[in-house]
Amino acid sequence: MRHLLNPLDFSTTELDKLFDLANDMERNPAKYAEICKGKKLATCFYEPSTRTRLSFEAAMLNLGGSVLGFSDAGSSSASKGESVSDTIRVISSYADICAMRHPKEGAPMVAASKSGIPVINAGDGGHQHPTQTLTDLLTIRSLKGRLGNFTIGLCGDLKFGRTVHSLIHALTRYENITFIFISPEELRVPDYITEMLQEKNIAYKEVIRLEDVLPTLDLLYMTRVQRERFFNEEDYIRLKDFYILTKEKMELAPKDMLVLHPLPRVNEISVEVDDDERAVYFKQAKYGVYVRMALIVTLLELELPLN
């Protein structure tokens, strides 16, 4: 039995197969419409979510399976003090696979150690968000035609952003990638990440002004400043609008640069940018369904249709 707890749990070769499957599911949805018939997905979300939870549910329904679960800790026995270990033991009797989001780092790993079914980490605190990373990689590969040989700017909350941390780790396995970290001093990428890049001799630089680097980017990954990760409301208010991507700023960017965002968006991308063909964050959300479909089928070790 296999779990997905970290974006590095799959080799790059395995990821290629997963992404090929996801692309085939996009092209031929009817082919996979019954593959999970009789299977159940449990969505155990101890923290609010729209895209991740609903995309998991949509993925399982697209595959002919069914879904059960809870959307916040208050509606589960966690509110009575039940541990993650006990919860997953019980859910293992009800479902065939589980997607878990939890505010505590490492909680899905604890669950996996006690689980009788595959566990997918759907985000744990400010730590990892592997299925978002798979979504990001599939989006880049599908729209750019490659994973590697590009310069990517990551902008916004690079300190608390689990999507950013996961994506950086995943991209280090591909060739000739340059990272540009765009953030205020207070939200810089953690030292352990820059130290890892130095050890691997991977090029990166840290800047404050987005405008200075936009002309050099192949990809721009925008993130929101996350209110829920701040201890101090004053700091959040001071930093929340530090970066706003506008139509005018997009004029500085290359014609083939793609703008990604894990969503939800607050103010960091102006709605006028949505009409720019380089803005692909809503396509990205759609790719999230296909990659989760492929992941569910892969972890359940289901036999793929021949045609």
C-alpha atoms as a PDB file:
ATOM      1  CA  MET A   1       0.000   0.000   0.000  1.00  0.00           C
ATOM      2  CA  ARG A   2       1.302   3.414  -0.985  1.00  0.00           C
ATOM      3  CA  HIS A   3       0.592   6.947   0.274  1.00  0.00           C
ATOM      4  CA  LEU A   4       1.311  10.449  -1.049  1.00  0.00           C
ATOM      5  CA  LEU A   5       2.646  12.578   1.799  1.00  0.00           C
ATOM      6  CA  ASN A   6       5.392  14.543   0.088  1.00  0.00           C
ATOM      7  CA  PRO A   7       5.766  15.719  -3.524  1.00  0.00           C
ATOM      8  CA  LEU A   8       9.007  13.732  -3.719  1.00  0.00           C
ATOM      9  CA  ASP A   9       7.279  10.420  -2.921  1.00  0.00           C
ATOM     10  CA  PHE A  10       7.012   9.781  -6.673  1.00  0.00           C
ATOM     11  CA  SER A  11      10.092   9.641  -8.897  1.00  0.00           C
ATOM     12  CA  THR A  12      10.208  11.861 -11.984  1.00  0.00           C
ATOM     13  CA  THR A  13       9.614   8.757 -14.118  1.00  0.00           C
ATOM     14  CA  GLU A  14       6.536   7.876 -12.067  1.00  0.00           C
ATOM     15  CA  LEU A  15       5.347  11.478 -12.342  1.00  0.00           C
ATOM     16  CA  ASP A  16       5.630  11.327 -16.135  1.00  0.00           C
ATOM     17  CA  LYS A  17       3.357   8.263 -16.129  1.00  0.00           C
ATOM     18  CA  LEU A  18       0.941   9.981 -13.744  1.00  0.00           C
ATOM     19  CA  PHE A  19       0.806  13.107 -15.917  1.00  0.00           C
ATOM     20  CA  ASP A  20       0.357  11.041 -19.089  1.00  0.00           C
ATOM     21  CA  LEU A  21      -2.594   9.344 -17.401  1.00  0.00           C
ATOM     22  CA  ALA A  22      -4.031  12.705 -16.282  1.00  0.00           C
ATOM     23  CA  ASN A  23      -3.762  14.094 -19.822  1.00  0.00           C
ATOM     24  CA  ASP A  24      -5.501  10.991 -21.197  1.00  0.00           C
ATOM     25  CA  MET A  25      -8.278  11.420 -18.616  1.00  0.00           C
ATOM     26  CA  GLU A  26      -8.694  15.002 -19.803  1.00  0.00           C
ATOM     27  CA  ARG A  27      -8.966  13.908 -23.445  1.00  0.00           C
ATOM     28  CA  ASN A  28     -11.069  10.770 -22.875  1.00  0.00           C
ATOM     29  CA  PRO A  29     -13.272  11.209 -19.776  1.00  0.00           C
ATOM     30  CA  ALA A  30     -15.761   8.498 -20.798  1.00  0.00           C
ATOM     31  CA  LYS A  31     -12.986   5.912 -20.845  1.00  0.00           C
ATOM     32  CA  TYR A  32     -12.479   6.287 -17.075  1.00  0.00           C
ATOM     33  CA  ALA A  33     -16.068   7.021 -16.010  1.00  0.00           C
ATOM     34  CA  GLU A  34     -16.586   3.656 -14.252  1.00  0.00           C
ATOM     35  CA  ILE A  35     -13.082   2.735 -13.133  1.00  0.00           C
ATOM     36  CA  CYS A  36     -13.757   3.542  -9.439  1.00  0.00           C
ATOM     37  CA  LYS A  37     -17.264   2.101  -9.320  1.00  0.00           C
ATOM     38  CA  GLY A  38     -17.821   0.680  -5.826  1.00  0.00           C
ATOM     39  CA  LYS A  39     -14.851   2.601  -4.372  1.00  0.00           C
ATOM     40  CA  LYS A  40     -15.150   5.293  -1.696  1.00  0.00           C
ATOM     41  CA  LEU A  41     -12.980   8.347  -1.027  1.00  0.00           C
ATOM     42  CA  ALA A  42     -12.961   9.826   2.486  1.00  0.00           C
ATOM     43  CA  THR A  43     -12.200  13.556   2.602  1.00  0.00           C
ATOM     44  CA  CYS A  44     -10.987  14.392   6.117  1.00  0.00           C
ATOM     45  CA  PHE A  45     -10.559  18.158   6.159  1.00  0.00           C
ATOM     46  CA  TYR A  46      -9.661  19.609   9.561  1.00  0.00           C
ATOM     47  CA  GLU A  47      -9.098  22.996   7.901  1.00  0.00           C
ATOM     48  CA  PRO A  48     -11.267  25.017   5.463  1.00  0.00           C
ATOM     49  CA  SER A  49     -10.848  24.363   1.747  1.00  0.00           C
ATOM     50  CA  THR A  50     -12.755  24.964  -1.462  1.00  0.00           C
ATOM     51  CA  ARG A  51     -10.599  23.905  -4.413  1.00  0.00           C
ATOM     52  CA  THR A  52      -8.698  21.038  -2.852  1.00  0.00           C
ATOM     53  CA  ARG A  53     -11.667  19.332  -1.208  1.00  0.00           C
ATOM     54  CA  LEU A  54     -14.070  19.847  -4.110  1.00  0.00           C
ATOM     55  CA  SER A  55     -11.466  18.831  -6.699  1.00  0.00           C
ATOM     56  CA  PHE A  56     -10.882  15.561  -4.814  1.00  0.00           C
ATOM     57  CA  GLU A  57     -14.625  14.984  -4.682  1.00  0.00           C
ATOM     58  CA  ALA A  58     -15.060  15.865  -8.359  1.00  0.00           C
ATOM     59  CA  ALA A  59     -12.167  13.568  -9.249  1.00  0.00           C
ATOM     60  CA  MET A  60     -13.715  10.579  -7.468  1.00  0.00           C
ATOM     61  CA  LEU A  61     -17.189  11.256  -8.887  1.00  0.00           C
ATOM     62  CA  ASN A  62     -15.705  11.554 -12.405  1.00  0.00           C
ATOM     63  CA  LEU A  63     -14.242   8.085 -11.903  1.00  0.00           C
ATOM     64  CA  GLY A  64     -17.594   6.586 -10.892  1.00  0.00           C
ATOM     65  CA  GLY A  65     -16.776   6.347  -7.180  1.00  0.00           C
ATOM     66  CA  SER A  66     -18.439   7.925  -4.149  1.00  0.00           C
ATOM     67  CA  VAL A  67     -17.341  10.329  -1.423  1.00  0.00           C
ATOM     68  CA  LEU A  68     -17.834  10.659   2.323  1.00  0.00           C
ATOM     69  CA  GLY A  69     -16.135  12.792   4.944  1.00  0.00           C
ATOM     70  CA  PHE A  70     -16.150  16.092   6.812  1.00  0.00           C
ATOM     71  CA  SER A  71     -15.205  19.639   5.817  1.00  0.00           C
ATOM     72  CA  ASP A  72     -13.982  21.017   9.147  1.00  0.00           C
ATOM     73  CA  ALA A  73     -12.727  19.693  12.472  1.00  0.00           C
ATOM     74  CA  GLY A  74     -15.794  21.023  14.290  1.00  0.00           C
ATOM     75  CA  SER A  75     -18.037  18.572  12.483  1.00  0.00           C
ATOM     76  CA  SER A  76     -15.829  15.575  13.302  1.00  0.00           C
ATOM     77  CA  SER A  77     -14.961  13.724  16.510  1.00  0.00           C
ATOM     78  CA  ALA A  78     -11.786  15.812  16.659  1.00  0.00           C
ATOM     79  CA  SER A  79     -13.992  18.333  18.458  1.00  0.00           C
ATOM     80  CA  LYS A  80     -14.391  15.682  21.182  1.00  0.00           C
ATOM     81  CA  GLY A  81     -10.665  15.112  21.380  1.00  0.00           C
ATOM     82  CA  GLU A  82     -10.302  12.095  19.084  1.00  0.00           C
ATOM     83  CA  SER A  83      -6.770  11.667  17.733  1.00  0.00           C
ATOM     84  CA  VAL A  84      -5.861  11.543  14.053  1.00  0.00           C
ATOM     85  CA  SER A  85      -4.592   7.986  14.604  1.00  0.00           C
ATOM     86  CA  ASP A  86      -7.942   6.791  15.921  1.00  0.00           C
ATOM     87  CA  THR A  87      -9.889   8.662  13.254  1.00  0.00           C
ATOM     88  CA  ILE A  88      -7.968   7.065  10.381  1.00  0.00           C
ATOM     89  CA  ARG A  89      -8.289   3.595  11.912  1.00  0.00           C
ATOM     90  CA  VAL A  90     -12.061   4.005  11.910  1.00  0.00           C
ATOM     91  CA  ILE A  91     -12.198   5.557   8.430  1.00  0.00           C
ATOM     92  CA  SER A  92     -10.124   2.659   7.084  1.00  0.00           C
ATOM     93  CA  SER A  93     -13.199   0.517   7.749  1.00  0.00           C
ATOM     94  CA  TYR A  94     -15.466   2.868   5.781  1.00  0.00           C
ATOM     95  CA  ALA A  95     -13.475   3.953   2.720  1.00  0.00           C
ATOM     96  CA  ASP A  96     -10.885   2.728   0.228  1.00  0.00           C
ATOM     97  CA  ILE A  97      -8.687   5.867   0.147  1.00  0.00           C
ATOM     98  CA  CYS A  98      -8.430   9.063   2.206  1.00  0.00           C
ATOM     99  CA  ALA A  99      -7.487  12.666   1.424  1.00  0.00           C
ATOM    100  CA  MET A 100      -6.533  14.551   4.607  1.00  0.00           C
ATOM    101  CA  ARG A 101      -5.954  18.244   5.282  1.00  0.00           C
ATOM    102  CA  HIS A 102      -4.755  19.251   8.741  1.00  0.00           C
ATOM    103  CA  PRO A 103      -3.386  22.439  10.320  1.00  0.00           C
ATOM    104  CA  LYS A 104      -0.629  20.508  12.133  1.00  0.00           C
ATOM    105  CA  GLU A 105       2.504  19.653  10.182  1.00  0.00           C
ATOM    106  CA  GLY A 106       3.039  15.918   9.925  1.00  0.00           C
ATOM    107  CA  ALA A 107      -0.544  14.912  10.796  1.00  0.00           C
ATOM    108  CA  PRO A 108      -1.126  13.052   7.483  1.00  0.00           C
ATOM    109  CA  MET A 109       2.140  11.164   8.054  1.00  0.00           C
ATOM    110  CA  VAL A 110       0.904  10.058  11.485  1.00  0.00           C
ATOM    111  CA  ALA A 111      -2.377   8.998   9.882  1.00  0.00           C
ATOM    112  CA  ALA A 112      -0.580   7.020   7.176  1.00  0.00           C
ATOM    113  CA  SER A 113       1.414   5.100   9.787  1.00  0.00           C
ATOM    114  CA  LYS A 114      -1.838   3.811  11.325  1.00  0.00           C
ATOM    115  CA  SER A 115      -4.007   3.597   8.214  1.00  0.00           C
ATOM    116  CA  GLY A 116      -5.342   0.538   6.469  1.00  0.00           C
ATOM    117  CA  ILE A 117      -5.945   2.532   3.262  1.00  0.00           C
ATOM    118  CA  PRO A 118      -3.842   4.905   1.108  1.00  0.00           C
ATOM    119  CA  VAL A 119      -3.586   8.413   2.594  1.00  0.00           C
ATOM    120  CA  ILE A 120      -3.094  11.533   0.473  1.00  0.00           C
ATOM    121  CA  ASN A 121      -1.739  14.639   2.160  1.00  0.00           C
ATOM    122  CA  ALA A 122      -4.091  17.440   1.069  1.00  0.00           C
ATOM    123  CA  GLY A 123      -2.065  20.060   2.962  1.00  0.00           C
ATOM    124  CA  ASP A 124      -0.540  20.063   6.451  1.00  0.00           C
ATOM    125  CA  GLY A 125      -0.063  23.469   8.046  1.00  0.00           C
ATOM    126  CA  GLY A 126       2.655  25.535   6.389  1.00  0.00           C
ATOM    127  CA  HIS A 127       4.569  22.375   5.528  1.00  0.00           C
ATOM    128  CA  GLN A 128       3.586  20.522   2.348  1.00  0.00           C
ATOM    129  CA  HIS A 129       0.793  20.470  -0.221  1.00  0.00           C
ATOM    130  CA  PRO A 130       1.829  17.681  -2.602  1.00  0.00           C
ATOM    131  CA  THR A 131      -1.329  17.443  -4.715  1.00  0.00           C
ATOM    132  CA  GLN A 132      -1.153  21.172  -5.415  1.00  0.00           C
ATOM    133  CA  THR A 133       2.441  20.609  -6.500  1.00  0.00           C
ATOM    134  CA  LEU A 134       1.348  17.806  -8.838  1.00  0.00           C
ATOM    135  CA  THR A 135      -1.286  20.197 -10.201  1.00  0.00           C
ATOM    136  CA  ASP A 136       1.359  22.870 -10.756  1.00  0.00           C
ATOM    137  CA  LEU A 137       3.716  20.453 -12.498  1.00  0.00           C
ATOM    138  CA  LEU A 138       0.968  19.077 -14.745  1.00  0.00           C
ATOM    139  CA  THR A 139      -0.089  22.617 -15.667  1.00  0.00           C
ATOM    140  CA  ILE A 140       3.467  23.629 -16.545  1.00  0.00           C
ATOM    141  CA  ARG A 141       4.141  20.448 -18.529  1.00  0.00           C
ATOM    142  CA  SER A 142       0.819  20.621 -20.396  1.00  0.00           C
ATOM    143  CA  LEU A 143       1.061  24.324 -21.308  1.00  0.00           C
ATOM    144  CA  LYS A 144       4.831  24.792 -21.643  1.00  0.00           C
ATOM    145  CA  GLY A 145       5.551  21.337 -23.018  1.00  0.00           C
ATOM    146  CA  ARG A 146       8.387  20.701 -20.584  1.00  0.00           C
ATOM    147  CA  LEU A 147       9.477  20.490 -16.969  1.00  0.00           C
ATOM    148  CA  GLY A 148      12.889  22.127 -16.919  1.00  0.00           C
ATOM    149  CA  ASN A 149      14.868  24.757 -18.805  1.00  0.00           C
ATOM    150  CA  PHE A 150      13.022  27.791 -17.484  1.00  0.00           C
ATOM    151  CA  THR A 151      13.182  30.682 -15.023  1.00  0.00           C
ATOM    152  CA  ILE A 152      10.367  30.788 -12.490  1.00  0.00           C
ATOM    153  CA  GLY A 153       9.499  33.705 -10.246  1.00  0.00           C
ATOM    154  CA  LEU A 154       7.691  32.907  -6.995  1.00  0.00           C
ATOM    155  CA  CYS A 155       6.016  35.991  -5.566  1.00  0.00           C
ATOM    156  CA  GLY A 156       4.311  36.876  -2.295  1.00  0.00           C
ATOM    157  CA  ASP A 157       4.253  34.852   0.910  1.00  0.00           C
ATOM    158  CA  LEU A 158       7.293  32.626   0.525  1.00  0.00           C
ATOM    159  CA  LYS A 159       7.707  32.088   4.267  1.00  0.00           C
ATOM    160  CA  PHE A 160       4.418  30.394   5.144  1.00  0.00           C
ATOM    161  CA  GLY A 161       3.336  29.265   1.677  1.00  0.00           C
ATOM    162  CA  ARG A 162       3.263  25.458   1.677  1.00  0.00           C
ATOM    163  CA  THR A 163       2.476  25.415  -2.041  1.00  0.00           C
ATOM    164  CA  VAL A 164       5.690  27.332  -2.725  1.00  0.00           C
ATOM    165  CA  HIS A 165       7.826  25.096  -0.512  1.00  0.00           C
ATOM    166  CA  SER A 166       6.468  21.928  -2.139  1.00  0.00           C
ATOM    167  CA  LEU A 167       6.895  23.275  -5.675  1.00  0.00           C
ATOM    168  CA  ILE A 168      10.496  24.350  -5.105  1.00  0.00           C
ATOM    169  CA  HIS A 169      11.431  20.905  -3.786  1.00  0.00           C
ATOM    170  CA  ALA A 170       9.725  19.200  -6.720  1.00  0.00           C
ATOM    171  CA  LEU A 171      11.336  21.406  -9.373  1.00  0.00           C
ATOM    172  CA  THR A 172      14.866  20.848  -8.054  1.00  0.00           C
ATOM    173  CA  ARG A 173      14.761  17.409  -9.716  1.00  0.00           C
ATOM    174  CA  TYR A 174      14.512  18.940 -13.189  1.00  0.00           C
ATOM    175  CA  GLU A 175      17.365  20.424 -15.216  1.00  0.00           C
ATOM    176  CA  ASN A 176      18.338  24.041 -15.753  1.00  0.00           C
ATOM    177  CA  ILE A 177      15.780  25.793 -13.541  1.00  0.00           C
ATOM    178  CA  THR A 178      16.467  29.229 -12.070  1.00  0.00           C
ATOM    179  CA  PHE A 179      14.392  30.403  -9.118  1.00  0.00           C
ATOM    180  CA  ILE A 180      13.666  34.057  -8.445  1.00  0.00           C
ATOM    181  CA  PHE A 181      12.130  34.673  -5.029  1.00  0.00           C
ATOM    182  CA  ILE A 182      10.092  37.881  -4.899  1.00  0.00           C
ATOM    183  CA  SER A 183       8.945  38.882  -1.415  1.00  0.00           C
ATOM    184  CA  PRO A 184       9.179  41.491   1.329  1.00  0.00           C
ATOM    185  CA  GLU A 185      11.932  40.850   3.890  1.00  0.00           C
ATOM    186  CA  GLU A 186       9.416  39.539   6.421  1.00  0.00           C
ATOM    187  CA  LEU A 187       8.090  36.848   4.072  1.00  0.00           C
ATOM    188  CA  ARG A 188      11.323  35.561   2.540  1.00  0.00           C
ATOM    189  CA  VAL A 189      11.697  31.906   1.704  1.00  0.00           C
ATOM    190  CA  PRO A 190      12.998  29.941   4.743  1.00  0.00           C
ATOM    191  CA  ASP A 191      16.736  29.440   5.127  1.00  0.00           C
ATOM    192  CA  TYR A 192      16.477  25.663   4.878  1.00  0.00           C
ATOM    193  CA  ILE A 193      15.246  26.039   1.287  1.00  0.00           C
ATOM    194  CA  THR A 194      17.993  28.422   0.160  1.00  0.00           C
ATOM    195  CA  GLU A 195      20.572  26.213   1.889  1.00  0.00           C
ATOM    196  CA  MET A 196      19.184  23.203   0.007  1.00  0.00           C
ATOM    197  CA  LEU A 197      19.469  25.087  -3.306  1.00  0.00           C
ATOM    198  CA  GLN A 198      23.052  26.085  -2.506  1.00  0.00           C
ATOM    199  CA  GLU A 199      23.966  22.481  -1.696  1.00  0.00           C
ATOM    200  CA  LYS A 200      22.506  21.340  -5.025  1.00  0.00           C
ATOM    201  CA  ASN A 201      24.159  24.232  -6.891  1.00  0.00           C
ATOM    202  CA  ILE A 202      20.803  25.446  -8.212  1.00  0.00           C
ATOM    203  CA  ALA A 203      20.622  29.085  -9.284  1.00  0.00           C
ATOM    204  CA  TYR A 204      18.371  31.460  -7.345  1.00  0.00           C
ATOM    205  CA  LYS A 205      18.143  35.072  -6.290  1.00  0.00           C
ATOM    206  CA  GLU A 206      16.003  37.036  -3.865  1.00  0.00           C
ATOM    207  CA  VAL A 207      14.467  40.380  -4.807  1.00  0.00           C
ATOM    208  CA  ILE A 208      11.798  42.704  -3.469  1.00  0.00           C
ATOM    209  CA  ARG A 209      10.501  44.447  -6.610  1.00  0.00           C
ATOM    210  CA  LEU A 210       8.408  42.331  -8.995  1.00  0.00           C
ATOM    211  CA  GLU A 211       8.795  44.847 -11.823  1.00  0.00           C
ATOM    212  CA  ASP A 212      12.577  44.395 -11.871  1.00  0.00           C
ATOM    213  CA  VAL A 213      12.425  40.704 -12.800  1.00  0.00           C
ATOM    214  CA  LEU A 214       9.189  40.313 -14.798  1.00  0.00           C
ATOM    215  CA  PRO A 215      10.966  40.638 -18.193  1.00  0.00           C
ATOM    216  CA  THR A 216      13.218  37.664 -17.350  1.00  0.00           C
ATOM    217  CA  LEU A 217      10.534  35.132 -16.376  1.00  0.00           C
ATOM    218  CA  ASP A 218       9.100  32.117 -18.172  1.00  0.00           C
ATOM    219  CA  LEU A 219       6.675  31.469 -15.319  1.00  0.00           C
ATOM    220  CA  LEU A 220       5.300  33.649 -12.536  1.00  0.00           C
ATOM    221  CA  TYR A 221       3.804  31.863  -9.526  1.00  0.00           C
ATOM    222  CA  MET A 222       1.764  34.329  -7.479  1.00  0.00           C
ATOM    223  CA  THR A 223       0.627  33.601  -3.923  1.00  0.00           C
ATOM    224  CA  ARG A 224      -1.603  35.350  -1.437  1.00  0.00           C
ATOM    225  CA  VAL A 225      -0.441  36.595   1.947  1.00  0.00           C
ATOM    226  CA  GLN A 226      -2.158  34.092   4.231  1.00  0.00           C
ATOM    227  CA  ARG A 227      -4.028  35.706   7.090  1.00  0.00           C
ATOM    228  CA  GLU A 228      -4.421  32.365   8.892  1.00  0.00           C
ATOM    229  CA  ARG A 229      -0.629  31.903   9.212  1.00  0.00           C
ATOM    230  CA  PHE A 230      -0.007  35.267  10.917  1.00  0.00           C
ATOM    231  CA  PHE A 231       0.247  35.682  14.686  1.00  0.00           C
ATOM    232  CA  ASN A 232      -0.191  39.434  14.414  1.00  0.00           C
ATOM    233  CA  GLU A 233      -3.103  41.124  12.597  1.00  0.00           C
ATOM    234  CA  GLU A 234      -1.110  44.349  12.173  1.00  0.00           C
ATOM    235  CA  ASP A 235       1.636  42.513  10.261  1.00  0.00           C
ATOM    236  CA  TYR A 236      -0.947  40.909   7.992  1.00  0.00           C
ATOM    237  CA  ILE A 237      -2.616  44.231   7.190  1.00  0.00           C
ATOM    238  CA  ARG A 238       0.763  45.840   6.470  1.00  0.00           C
ATOM    239  CA  LEU A 239       1.859  43.099   4.063  1.00  0.00           C
ATOM    240  CA  LYS A 240      -1.343  41.805   2.444  1.00  0.00           C
ATOM    241  CA  ASP A 241      -1.239  44.207  -0.530  1.00  0.00           C
ATOM    242  CA  PHE A 242       2.542  44.316  -0.933  1.00  0.00           C
ATOM    243  CA  TYR A 243       2.235  42.834  -4.439  1.00  0.00           C
ATOM    244  CA  ILE A 244      -0.609  43.398  -6.888  1.00  0.00           C
ATOM    245  CA  LEU A 245      -0.157  42.088 -10.438  1.00  0.00           C
ATOM    246  CA  THR A 246      -1.864  44.518 -12.802  1.00  0.00           C
ATOM    247  CA  LYS A 247      -2.432  44.845 -16.538  1.00  0.00           C
ATOM    248  CA  GLU A 248       0.298  47.502 -16.666  1.00  0.00           C
ATOM    249  CA  LYS A 249       2.835  45.237 -14.969  1.00  0.00           C
ATOM    250  CA  MET A 250       1.948  42.399 -17.350  1.00  0.00           C
ATOM    251  CA  GLU A 251       3.152  44.614 -20.206  1.00  0.00           C
ATOM    252  CA  LEU A 252       6.669  44.157 -18.803  1.00  0.00           C
ATOM    253  CA  ALA A 253       6.441  40.373 -19.040  1.00  0.00           C
ATOM    254  CA  PRO A 254       7.399  38.178 -22.017  1.00  0.00           C
ATOM    255  CA  LYS A 255       4.595  37.300 -24.428  1.00  0.00           C
ATOM    256  CA  ASP A 256       4.819  33.614 -23.537  1.00  0.00           C
ATOM    257  CA  MET A 257       5.173  33.943 -19.757  1.00  0.00           C
ATOM    258  CA  LEU A 258       2.495  32.018 -17.837  1.00  0.00           C
ATOM    259  CA  VAL A 259       0.937  33.266 -14.598  1.00  0.00           C
ATOM    260  CA  LEU A 260       0.021  30.558 -12.097  1.00  0.00           C
ATOM    261  CA  HIS A 261      -1.666  30.855  -8.701  1.00  0.00           C
ATOM    262  CA  PRO A 262      -2.749  28.060  -6.329  1.00  0.00           C
ATOM    263  CA  LEU A 263      -5.855  30.103  -5.368  1.00  0.00           C
ATOM    264  CA  PRO A 264      -7.756  31.464  -3.536  1.00  0.00           C
ATOM    265  CA  ARG A 265      -6.868  34.905  -4.821  1.00  0.00           C
ATOM    266  CA  VAL A 266      -7.430  37.965  -2.638  1.00  0.00           C
ATOM    267  CA  ASN A 267      -5.917  41.193  -4.023  1.00  0.00           C
ATOM    268  CA  GLU A 268      -2.591  39.993  -5.408  1.00  0.00           C
ATOM    269  CA  ILE A 269      -3.819  39.641  -9.015  1.00  0.00           C
ATOM    270  CA  SER A 270      -6.107  42.309 -10.427  1.00  0.00           C
ATOM    271  CA  VAL A 271      -9.239  40.858 -12.054  1.00  0.00           C
ATOM    272  CA  GLU A 272      -8.325  42.685 -15.270  1.00  0.00           C
ATOM    273  CA  VAL A 273      -5.416  40.255 -15.662  1.00  0.00           C
ATOM    274  CA  ASP A 274      -7.894  37.367 -15.965  1.00  0.00           C
ATOM    275  CA  ASP A 275      -8.519  38.245 -19.622  1.00  0.00           C
ATOM    276  CA  ASP A 276      -4.816  37.942 -20.463  1.00  0.00           C
ATOM    277  CA  GLU A 277      -4.182  34.625 -22.247  1.00  0.00           C
ATOM    278  CA  ARG A 278      -1.037  34.214 -20.130  1.00  0.00           C
ATOM    279  CA  ALA A 279      -3.161  34.015 -16.952  1.00  0.00           C
ATOM    280  CA  VAL A 280      -3.709  30.267 -16.561  1.00  0.00           C
ATOM    281  CA  TYR A 281      -4.697  29.916 -12.891  1.00  0.00           C
ATOM    282  CA  PHE A 282      -8.266  28.838 -13.666  1.00  0.00           C
ATOM    283  CA  LYS A 283      -6.963  26.243 -16.140  1.00  0.00           C
ATOM    284  CA  GLN A 284      -4.582  25.227 -13.361  1.00  0.00           C
ATOM    285  CA  ALA A 285      -7.545  24.555 -11.050  1.00  0.00           C
ATOM    286  CA  LYS A 286      -9.052  22.318 -13.731  1.00  0.00           C
ATOM    287  CA  TYR A 287      -5.804  20.381 -14.115  1.00  0.00           C
ATOM    288  CA  GLY A 288      -6.064  19.775 -10.370  1.00  0.00           C
ATOM    289  CA  VAL A 289      -9.072  17.530 -10.952  1.00  0.00           C
ATOM    290  CA  TYR A 290      -7.318  15.464 -13.636  1.00  0.00           C
ATOM    291  CA  VAL A 291      -4.145  14.948 -11.614  1.00  0.00           C
ATOM    292  CA  ARG A 292      -6.165  13.869  -8.565  1.00  0.00           C
ATOM    293  CA  MET A 293      -8.122  11.454 -10.744  1.00  0.00           C
ATOM    294  CA  ALA A 294      -4.851   9.937 -11.933  1.00  0.00           C
ATOM    295  CA  LEU A 295      -3.498   9.825  -8.384  1.00  0.00           C
ATOM    296  CA  ILE A 296      -6.565   8.060  -6.972  1.00  0.00           C
ATOM    297  CA  VAL A 297      -6.443   5.404  -9.704  1.00  0.00           C
ATOM    298  CA  THR A 298      -2.682   4.955  -9.228  1.00  0.00           C
ATOM    299  CA  LEU A 299      -2.791   4.622  -5.430  1.00  0.00           C
ATOM    300  CA  LEU A 300      -5.735   2.205  -5.621  1.00  0.00           C
ATOM    301  CA  GLU A 301      -3.680   0.185  -8.149  1.00  0.00           C
ATOM    302  CA  LEU A 302      -6.661  -0.141 -10.471  1.00  0.00           C
ATOM    303  CA  GLU A 303      -6.363  -1.770 -13.864  1.00  0.00           C
ATOM    304  CA  LEU A 304      -6.456   0.847 -16.616  1.00  0.00           C
ATOM    305  CA  PRO A 305      -8.863   0.564 -19.572  1.00  0.00           C
ATOM    306  CA  LEU A 306      -7.235  -0.807 -22.711  1.00  0.00           C
ATOM    307  CA  ASN A 307      -8.855   1.594 -25.192  1.00  0.00           C
END
